[in-house]
Protein backbone atom coordinates (compact mmCIF):
# COMPACT_ATOMS: atom_id res chain seq x y z
CA MET A 1 0.00 0.00 0.00
CA LYS A 2 1.36 3.41 -0.98
CA LEU A 3 0.50 6.28 1.33
CA PHE A 4 1.25 9.97 0.94
CA PRO A 5 2.17 12.44 3.68
CA GLN A 6 -0.86 14.42 4.76
CA ILE A 7 1.08 17.40 6.07
CA LYS A 8 1.77 19.82 3.22
CA GLU A 9 5.25 20.79 4.40
CA LEU A 10 6.30 17.11 4.47
CA GLN A 11 5.12 16.68 0.89
CA ASP A 12 7.91 19.03 -0.22
CA HIS A 13 10.50 16.49 0.96
CA ILE A 14 8.85 13.04 1.17
CA ASN A 15 7.42 11.34 -1.90
CA HIS A 16 5.50 8.49 -0.26
CA TYR A 17 5.42 5.70 2.31
CA TRP A 18 5.25 2.16 0.89
CA VAL A 19 3.76 -0.17 3.51
CA VAL A 20 4.30 -3.92 2.93
CA LYS A 21 2.61 -6.26 5.41
CA ASP A 22 3.23 -9.48 3.43
CA SER A 23 6.69 -9.38 1.92
CA ASN A 24 6.71 -13.11 1.13
CA GLY A 25 3.56 -12.78 -0.95
CA LEU A 26 4.77 -9.66 -2.74
CA PHE A 27 8.16 -11.08 -3.72
CA SER A 28 7.08 -14.70 -4.20
CA SER A 29 8.29 -14.67 -7.82
CA SER A 30 11.68 -13.16 -7.04
CA PRO A 31 12.83 -12.54 -3.44
CA LYS A 32 16.16 -11.10 -4.64
CA VAL A 33 15.84 -7.82 -6.51
CA TYR A 34 18.25 -5.03 -7.41
CA GLY A 35 18.32 -1.36 -6.58
CA TYR A 36 20.63 1.02 -8.41
CA PRO A 37 22.43 4.33 -7.75
CA GLY A 38 20.16 7.33 -7.91
CA ILE A 39 19.05 10.52 -6.19
CA ARG A 40 16.02 9.27 -4.22
CA PRO A 41 17.08 8.73 -0.59
CA GLU A 42 15.07 5.98 1.12
CA ILE A 43 14.58 4.49 4.55
CA ILE A 44 13.81 0.77 4.82
CA ILE A 45 11.95 0.38 8.12
CA ILE A 46 12.12 -3.28 9.12
CA LEU A 47 9.10 -4.28 11.17
CA LYS A 48 9.24 -8.07 11.19
CA GLY A 49 12.00 -10.45 10.11
CA TYR A 50 15.37 -9.36 8.79
CA LEU A 51 16.85 -8.02 5.59
CA SER A 52 19.80 -9.49 3.75
CA TYR A 53 21.52 -7.24 1.24
CA THR A 54 24.69 -7.19 -0.80
CA TYR A 55 26.48 -3.90 -1.34
CA LEU A 56 29.99 -3.08 -2.58
CA GLY A 57 30.96 -6.75 -2.59
CA LYS A 58 29.82 -7.55 0.96
CA THR A 59 26.65 -9.26 2.18
CA TYR A 60 24.90 -8.06 5.32
CA ARG A 61 22.03 -9.33 7.44
CA THR A 62 20.13 -6.98 9.73
CA ASN A 63 16.87 -6.51 11.61
CA LYS A 64 17.68 -2.81 12.06
CA SER A 65 16.07 -0.23 9.81
CA VAL A 66 18.38 1.09 7.11
CA LEU A 67 18.87 4.60 5.72
CA ALA A 68 20.08 4.64 2.11
CA SER A 69 21.10 8.25 1.62
CA HIS A 70 23.20 7.77 -1.51
CA ILE A 71 23.74 4.38 -3.16
CA LYS A 72 27.04 4.28 -5.03
CA ASN A 73 26.67 0.85 -6.65
CA ASN A 74 24.29 -2.08 -7.08
CA PHE A 75 22.23 -2.91 -4.00
CA LEU A 76 20.87 -6.49 -3.99
CA PHE A 77 17.76 -6.60 -1.79
CA ASP A 78 16.95 -10.10 -0.44
CA SER A 79 13.49 -10.32 1.12
CA SER A 80 13.56 -14.07 1.79
CA ASN A 81 13.38 -13.56 5.57
CA LEU A 82 11.74 -10.14 5.63
CA GLU A 83 8.05 -10.38 6.57
CA GLN A 84 6.97 -6.76 7.03
CA PHE A 85 8.60 -3.44 6.14
CA ILE A 86 7.96 0.15 5.14
CA ILE A 87 9.97 2.16 2.65
CA VAL A 88 10.01 5.92 3.06
CA GLN A 89 10.87 7.40 -0.33
CA PHE A 90 12.11 10.99 -0.36
CA LYS A 91 11.99 13.41 -3.27
CA PRO A 92 14.66 12.86 -5.97
CA ARG A 93 16.91 15.67 -4.78
CA SER A 94 19.70 13.48 -3.43
CA ILE A 95 20.77 14.13 0.15
CA SER A 96 19.12 17.55 0.02
CA SER A 97 15.79 15.82 0.78
CA LEU A 98 17.15 14.51 4.09
CA LEU A 99 18.70 17.70 5.41
CA PRO A 100 15.48 19.15 6.93
CA PHE A 101 15.22 16.07 9.18
CA THR A 102 18.75 15.64 10.53
CA LYS A 103 21.66 17.61 11.97
CA TYR A 104 24.08 15.62 9.82
CA THR A 105 25.65 17.43 6.87
CA SER A 106 25.54 16.16 3.31
CA LYS A 107 29.24 15.30 3.61
CA GLN A 108 28.58 13.13 6.69
CA LEU A 109 25.60 11.43 5.07
CA MET A 110 27.56 10.79 1.90
CA LYS A 111 30.34 9.17 3.91
CA HIS A 112 27.86 6.76 5.52
CA SER A 113 25.60 6.22 2.53
CA LEU A 114 24.08 3.04 3.98
CA CYS A 115 23.65 3.11 7.75
CA ASN A 116 21.35 2.39 10.66
CA PHE A 117 18.23 4.59 10.55
CA LYS A 118 18.56 5.16 14.30
CA ASP A 119 22.11 6.46 14.05
CA VAL A 120 20.94 9.45 11.99
CA PHE A 121 17.41 10.04 13.30
CA GLY A 122 17.81 9.21 16.99
CA LYS A 123 16.59 6.67 19.54
CA GLU A 124 12.93 7.59 19.04
CA VAL A 125 13.11 5.44 15.89
CA ILE A 126 12.83 2.31 18.09
CA LYS A 127 9.52 3.54 19.51
CA ILE A 128 8.22 4.37 16.03
CA GLU A 129 9.12 0.88 14.76
CA ARG A 130 7.12 -0.72 17.61
CA GLU A 131 4.10 1.48 16.97
CA LEU A 132 4.16 0.75 13.23
CA LEU A 133 4.36 -3.00 13.79
CA HIS A 134 1.15 -3.08 15.82
CA LYS A 135 -0.93 -0.72 13.68
CA ASN A 136 -2.93 -1.31 10.53
CA ALA A 137 -1.39 0.07 7.35
CA SER A 138 -3.91 2.93 7.22
CA PHE A 139 -2.68 4.20 10.60
CA SER A 140 0.98 4.12 9.56
CA ILE A 141 0.66 7.45 7.79
CA ASP A 142 -0.30 9.22 11.04
CA ILE A 143 2.65 7.73 12.94
CA LEU A 144 5.16 8.53 10.20
CA ASP A 145 3.82 12.02 9.58
CA ALA A 146 3.96 12.82 13.30
CA PHE A 147 7.54 11.54 13.55
CA PHE A 148 8.91 13.46 10.58
CA TRP A 149 6.96 16.62 11.45
CA LYS A 150 8.40 16.58 14.96
CA ILE A 151 12.03 16.36 13.83
CA MET A 152 11.71 18.58 10.77
CA ASN A 153 13.49 21.92 10.61
CA LYS A 154 10.53 24.09 9.58
CA ASN A 155 12.82 26.92 8.46
CA PHE A 156 14.88 24.86 6.03
CA ASN A 157 15.10 26.38 2.57
CA GLY A 158 17.10 24.46 0.01
CA PHE A 159 18.75 25.82 -3.10
CA VAL A 160 18.53 22.47 -4.87
CA MET A 161 14.88 22.05 -3.94
CA ASP A 162 14.05 25.40 -5.52
CA LEU A 163 16.19 25.20 -8.63
CA LEU A 164 17.29 21.76 -9.83
CA PHE A 165 14.27 19.56 -9.14
CA ASP A 166 12.13 20.70 -12.08
CA LEU A 167 14.83 21.13 -14.72
CA SER A 168 14.24 19.49 -18.09
CA PHE A 169 16.70 16.81 -19.14
CA ASP A 170 18.19 18.94 -21.91
CA GLU A 171 19.25 21.76 -19.59
CA SER A 172 23.00 22.03 -19.13
CA ILE A 173 25.17 23.68 -16.49
CA PRO A 174 25.83 26.77 -18.71
CA MET A 175 22.04 27.15 -19.10
CA ILE A 176 21.59 26.95 -15.32
CA LEU A 177 24.29 29.56 -14.79
CA GLU A 178 22.57 31.86 -17.28
CA LYS A 179 19.17 31.31 -15.66
CA THR A 180 20.38 31.99 -12.12
CA GLY A 181 23.12 34.53 -12.70
CA TYR A 182 25.41 32.48 -10.44
CA SER A 183 29.07 31.92 -11.12
CA GLN A 184 30.35 28.39 -11.67
CA SER A 185 31.96 28.37 -8.22
CA THR A 186 28.77 29.57 -6.48
CA LEU A 187 26.66 26.92 -8.20
CA GLU A 188 29.23 24.24 -7.32
CA ARG A 189 29.25 25.33 -3.68
CA HIS A 190 25.46 25.34 -3.27
CA VAL A 191 24.91 21.98 -4.97
CA LYS A 192 27.83 20.28 -3.21
CA THR A 193 26.70 21.56 0.19
CA GLU A 194 23.17 20.24 -0.20
CA THR A 195 23.61 17.07 -2.21
CA GLY A 196 27.20 15.99 -1.62
CA LEU A 197 27.55 15.93 -5.41
CA THR A 198 28.90 18.27 -8.07
CA PRO A 199 26.26 19.78 -10.40
CA LYS A 200 27.51 17.56 -13.25
CA ALA A 201 27.25 14.39 -11.14
CA TYR A 202 23.82 15.36 -9.82
CA LEU A 203 22.38 16.07 -13.26
CA GLY A 204 23.95 12.90 -14.69
CA LEU A 205 22.46 10.71 -11.95
CA ARG A 206 19.08 12.41 -12.25
CA LYS A 207 18.93 11.75 -16.00
CA TYR A 208 20.21 8.18 -15.92
CA LYS A 209 17.94 7.11 -13.03
CA ALA A 210 14.85 8.54 -14.71
CA ALA A 211 15.73 6.47 -17.79
CA VAL A 212 16.27 3.31 -15.69
CA GLU A 213 12.93 3.77 -13.96
CA GLU A 214 11.15 4.15 -17.28
CA ILE A 215 12.93 1.10 -18.75
CA HIS A 216 11.68 -1.06 -15.88
CA LEU A 217 8.17 0.34 -15.88
CA THR A 218 7.63 0.13 -19.65
CA THR A 219 10.11 -2.61 -20.78
CA ASN A 220 10.47 -0.51 -23.92
CA PRO A 221 13.48 -1.83 -25.95
CA ASP A 222 13.64 1.20 -28.25
CA TRP A 223 16.91 2.69 -27.02
CA GLN A 224 16.77 5.59 -29.46
CA TYR A 225 13.58 6.71 -27.70
CA PHE A 226 15.56 7.04 -24.45
CA VAL A 227 18.46 8.74 -26.23
CA ASN A 228 16.06 11.39 -27.55
CA LYS A 229 13.98 11.82 -24.41
CA TYR A 230 16.89 12.06 -21.97
CA ASN A 231 19.25 13.94 -24.27
CA TYR A 232 22.06 11.40 -24.63
CA THR A 233 24.60 11.88 -27.43
CA ASP A 234 23.77 8.56 -29.12
CA GLN A 235 22.84 4.95 -28.31
CA SER A 236 26.43 4.02 -27.48
CA HIS A 237 26.62 6.83 -24.90
CA PHE A 238 23.26 5.80 -23.43
CA ILE A 239 24.17 2.09 -23.15
CA LYS A 240 27.59 2.83 -21.63
CA THR A 241 26.02 5.15 -19.02
CA ILE A 242 23.39 2.59 -17.98
CA LYS A 243 26.05 -0.12 -17.64
CA LYS A 244 28.38 2.20 -15.72
CA TYR A 245 25.82 2.78 -12.98
CA THR A 246 23.92 -0.53 -12.88
CA GLY A 247 26.45 -3.10 -14.11
CA PHE A 248 23.94 -4.19 -16.77
CA THR A 249 23.24 -3.20 -20.35
CA PRO A 250 19.71 -1.85 -20.97
CA THR A 251 18.73 -5.21 -22.52
CA GLN A 252 19.97 -7.10 -19.46
CA LEU A 253 18.26 -4.54 -17.22
CA ILE A 254 14.82 -5.36 -18.60
CA ASN A 255 15.28 -9.02 -17.64
CA THR A 256 16.80 -8.37 -14.19
CA PRO A 257 14.42 -8.27 -11.18
CA ASN A 258 14.34 -4.74 -9.78
CA LEU A 259 12.65 -3.24 -6.76
CA ILE A 260 10.99 -0.66 -9.02
CA SER A 261 8.92 -3.37 -10.71
CA PHE A 262 7.27 -4.38 -7.43
CA ARG A 263 6.36 -0.91 -6.22
CA PRO A 264 2.76 0.27 -6.48
CA GLU A 265 2.73 3.04 -9.09
CA TYR A 266 6.39 3.92 -8.52
CA TYR A 267 5.98 7.67 -8.79
C-alpha cells in the first residue's frame, strides 16, 4: 500500500510511504531484486524479520532499519526472511531531501551512505518501529507524519529544492548559470553543500535514473527513444552510461528483477 504524507510541508521532501505487510507474498516470484544508484534517498523500516543485502561486494544481514542516503553501486535486496517493512521514499533531490530532518551534513551522510536509521534520526526510531508493527497500514501514515513533522526543521530552505528539481533533461550547467546569474563556483558550492555531489554528477544521476525507472516500468526496448527523451549523445553513450551505474546493459536490465517493478505506481 502506498500512502502519501498528509502534512503539506512534508510533501515538499517526502514522496511516499510504501507499507508492505506481506513481503513473502509480494516477492514470491523473485525474493532477490536489485536497486541502483540514484538521487532518491530511502529508509527501509524493518518491522518483522530481517533483511539481507549485498552492497559493494559484501553481504549483510540486519533486523535494524536502514537509511540509504546515496547508493554508489548495485544494491541487492533479499526479502527471503523479511516479513513486514515500510519504505520511506524521499523526493529525488539526493541528500538535500534529508537535510530538513537531521543535523548531519551532506558530507557526513555521503560518507555513511548506507547506515542504521537510528544512528541518523535518533533513539525515538525504536519507539516508532514498535508502533508501526502493531498498527494497521492505514494508521501508519499518522505515525510517520507525526515523527517526521516533529524532527523537521521548519525553516529549512534548500537551493537544490528550488532550482534543480524541475529542470528538463536537456538543460546544461551553462544554461543553469545563465538562468540563475550564479558563477560556476557559487553553483558548485550550493549543490555540493546540499547534495554531496557536483552539479555535473547530480544532473547525470538524475537523468540516468529517470531512464532506468522508465525502462523497468515500460520494458520498452527502443533505445533511441531514451536517447532522444533524456538527451544522450547517441545509443552508445546511453548504453555505456546505464552499464556504468547498474552493471547491466539496458537489454539485461529489462530481464533483471528490480525493486521498481514491485512498487505500487512507482511515482
